[in-house]
Amino acid sequence: MATYLDSLKTRRDAVATELAALDATKAGGLPDSGAGDVQHQAYKAGLYAELERLNTLVHAAQADSDGPVEVETRAGCIW
């Protein structure tokens, strides 16, 4: 059975993969439609917000554990 931390990491990886796969053929990879029916940019923003929250939860869960702490850096920022 997956641990809480493993589950968080799995979801984080899935969201990151979805963001990386965005292109002009997928939801989130297009500009919003003029009619307002499809909000691609809101979908993409939601994925980024979820990814940020998952990173926070992963780091909190790691801090609560006795195991090693995983640190990601991007452009000089620690996530």
C-alpha atoms as a PDB file:
ATOM      1  CA  MET A   1       0.000   0.000   0.000  1.00  0.00           C
ATOM      2  CA  ALA A   2       1.327   3.425  -0.928  1.00  0.00           C
ATOM      3  CA  THR A   3       2.169   5.805   1.855  1.00  0.00           C
ATOM      4  CA  TYR A   4       0.718   9.300   2.111  1.00  0.00           C
ATOM      5  CA  LEU A   5       4.005  10.724   0.851  1.00  0.00           C
ATOM      6  CA  ASP A   6       4.140   8.272  -2.059  1.00  0.00           C
ATOM      7  CA  SER A   7       0.579   9.181  -3.034  1.00  0.00           C
ATOM      8  CA  LEU A   8       1.413  12.889  -2.977  1.00  0.00           C
ATOM      9  CA  LYS A   9       4.478  12.323  -5.138  1.00  0.00           C
ATOM     10  CA  THR A  10       2.487  10.209  -7.592  1.00  0.00           C
ATOM     11  CA  ARG A  11      -0.139  12.924  -7.999  1.00  0.00           C
ATOM     12  CA  ARG A  12       2.547  15.621  -8.257  1.00  0.00           C
ATOM     13  CA  ASP A  13       4.250  13.657 -11.035  1.00  0.00           C
ATOM     14  CA  ALA A  14       0.931  13.224 -12.865  1.00  0.00           C
ATOM     15  CA  VAL A  15       0.171  16.957 -12.711  1.00  0.00           C
ATOM     16  CA  ALA A  16       3.690  17.844 -13.859  1.00  0.00           C
ATOM     17  CA  THR A  17       3.387  15.379 -16.736  1.00  0.00           C
ATOM     18  CA  GLU A  18       0.046  16.877 -17.737  1.00  0.00           C
ATOM     19  CA  LEU A  19       1.541  20.381 -17.725  1.00  0.00           C
ATOM     20  CA  ALA A  20       4.516  19.251 -19.766  1.00  0.00           C
ATOM     21  CA  ALA A  21       2.212  17.676 -22.340  1.00  0.00           C
ATOM     22  CA  LEU A  22       0.104  20.802 -22.914  1.00  0.00           C
ATOM     23  CA  ASP A  23       0.077  21.867 -26.535  1.00  0.00           C
ATOM     24  CA  ALA A  24      -2.346  23.357 -29.013  1.00  0.00           C
ATOM     25  CA  THR A  25      -4.298  20.093 -29.209  1.00  0.00           C
ATOM     26  CA  LYS A  26      -5.117  19.761 -25.498  1.00  0.00           C
ATOM     27  CA  ALA A  27      -7.189  21.627 -22.924  1.00  0.00           C
ATOM     28  CA  GLY A  28      -4.982  24.233 -21.306  1.00  0.00           C
ATOM     29  CA  GLY A  29      -2.723  24.524 -24.322  1.00  0.00           C
ATOM     30  CA  LEU A  30      -4.962  26.944 -26.175  1.00  0.00           C
ATOM     31  CA  PRO A  31      -6.088  30.504 -25.531  1.00  0.00           C
ATOM     32  CA  ASP A  32      -9.530  30.918 -23.990  1.00  0.00           C
ATOM     33  CA  SER A  33     -12.333  30.852 -26.527  1.00  0.00           C
ATOM     34  CA  GLY A  34     -13.985  34.146 -27.355  1.00  0.00           C
ATOM     35  CA  ALA A  35     -17.389  32.806 -26.402  1.00  0.00           C
ATOM     36  CA  GLY A  36     -16.179  32.046 -22.884  1.00  0.00           C
ATOM     37  CA  ASP A  37     -17.307  28.440 -23.102  1.00  0.00           C
ATOM     38  CA  VAL A  38     -13.833  26.952 -22.752  1.00  0.00           C
ATOM     39  CA  GLN A  39     -11.406  28.367 -20.210  1.00  0.00           C
ATOM     40  CA  HIS A  40      -8.128  26.777 -21.213  1.00  0.00           C
ATOM     41  CA  GLN A  41      -5.997  29.234 -19.281  1.00  0.00           C
ATOM     42  CA  ALA A  42      -7.981  28.721 -16.075  1.00  0.00           C
ATOM     43  CA  TYR A  43      -7.448  24.977 -16.433  1.00  0.00           C
ATOM     44  CA  LYS A  44      -3.700  25.473 -16.851  1.00  0.00           C
ATOM     45  CA  ALA A  45      -3.600  27.897 -13.904  1.00  0.00           C
ATOM     46  CA  GLY A  46      -5.439  25.325 -11.811  1.00  0.00           C
ATOM     47  CA  LEU A  47      -2.832  22.690 -12.653  1.00  0.00           C
ATOM     48  CA  TYR A  48      -0.025  25.051 -11.650  1.00  0.00           C
ATOM     49  CA  ALA A  49      -1.813  25.877  -8.387  1.00  0.00           C
ATOM     50  CA  GLU A  50      -2.287  22.178  -7.663  1.00  0.00           C
ATOM     51  CA  LEU A  51       1.372  21.485  -8.413  1.00  0.00           C
ATOM     52  CA  GLU A  52       2.456  24.232  -6.030  1.00  0.00           C
ATOM     53  CA  ARG A  53       0.180  22.889  -3.284  1.00  0.00           C
ATOM     54  CA  LEU A  54       1.391  19.328  -3.828  1.00  0.00           C
ATOM     55  CA  ASN A  55       5.011  20.474  -3.554  1.00  0.00           C
ATOM     56  CA  THR A  56       4.171  22.158  -0.246  1.00  0.00           C
ATOM     57  CA  LEU A  57       2.449  19.019   1.048  1.00  0.00           C
ATOM     58  CA  VAL A  58       5.320  16.767  -0.083  1.00  0.00           C
ATOM     59  CA  HIS A  59       7.856  18.917   1.729  1.00  0.00           C
ATOM     60  CA  ALA A  60       5.718  19.051   4.862  1.00  0.00           C
ATOM     61  CA  ALA A  61       5.281  15.269   4.810  1.00  0.00           C
ATOM     62  CA  GLN A  62       9.013  14.787   4.333  1.00  0.00           C
ATOM     63  CA  ALA A  63       9.771  17.121   7.219  1.00  0.00           C
ATOM     64  CA  ASP A  64       7.474  15.025   9.424  1.00  0.00           C
ATOM     65  CA  SER A  65       9.221  11.796   8.456  1.00  0.00           C
ATOM     66  CA  ASP A  66      12.549  10.482   9.621  1.00  0.00           C
ATOM     67  CA  GLY A  67      13.677   9.822   6.052  1.00  0.00           C
ATOM     68  CA  PRO A  68      15.713  11.940   3.685  1.00  0.00           C
ATOM     69  CA  VAL A  69      14.291  15.230   2.469  1.00  0.00           C
ATOM     70  CA  GLU A  70      13.832  15.739  -1.261  1.00  0.00           C
ATOM     71  CA  VAL A  71      14.596  19.244  -2.509  1.00  0.00           C
ATOM     72  CA  GLU A  72      13.853  20.506  -5.997  1.00  0.00           C
ATOM     73  CA  THR A  73      15.358  23.685  -7.342  1.00  0.00           C
ATOM     74  CA  ARG A  74      14.262  25.639 -10.353  1.00  0.00           C
ATOM     75  CA  ALA A  75      15.957  28.825 -11.461  1.00  0.00           C
ATOM     76  CA  GLY A  76      17.393  29.380  -8.023  1.00  0.00           C
ATOM     77  CA  CYS A  77      14.136  28.780  -6.163  1.00  0.00           C
ATOM     78  CA  ILE A  78      13.596  25.954  -3.712  1.00  0.00           C
ATOM     79  CA  TRP A  79      10.246  24.199  -4.050  1.00  0.00           C
END
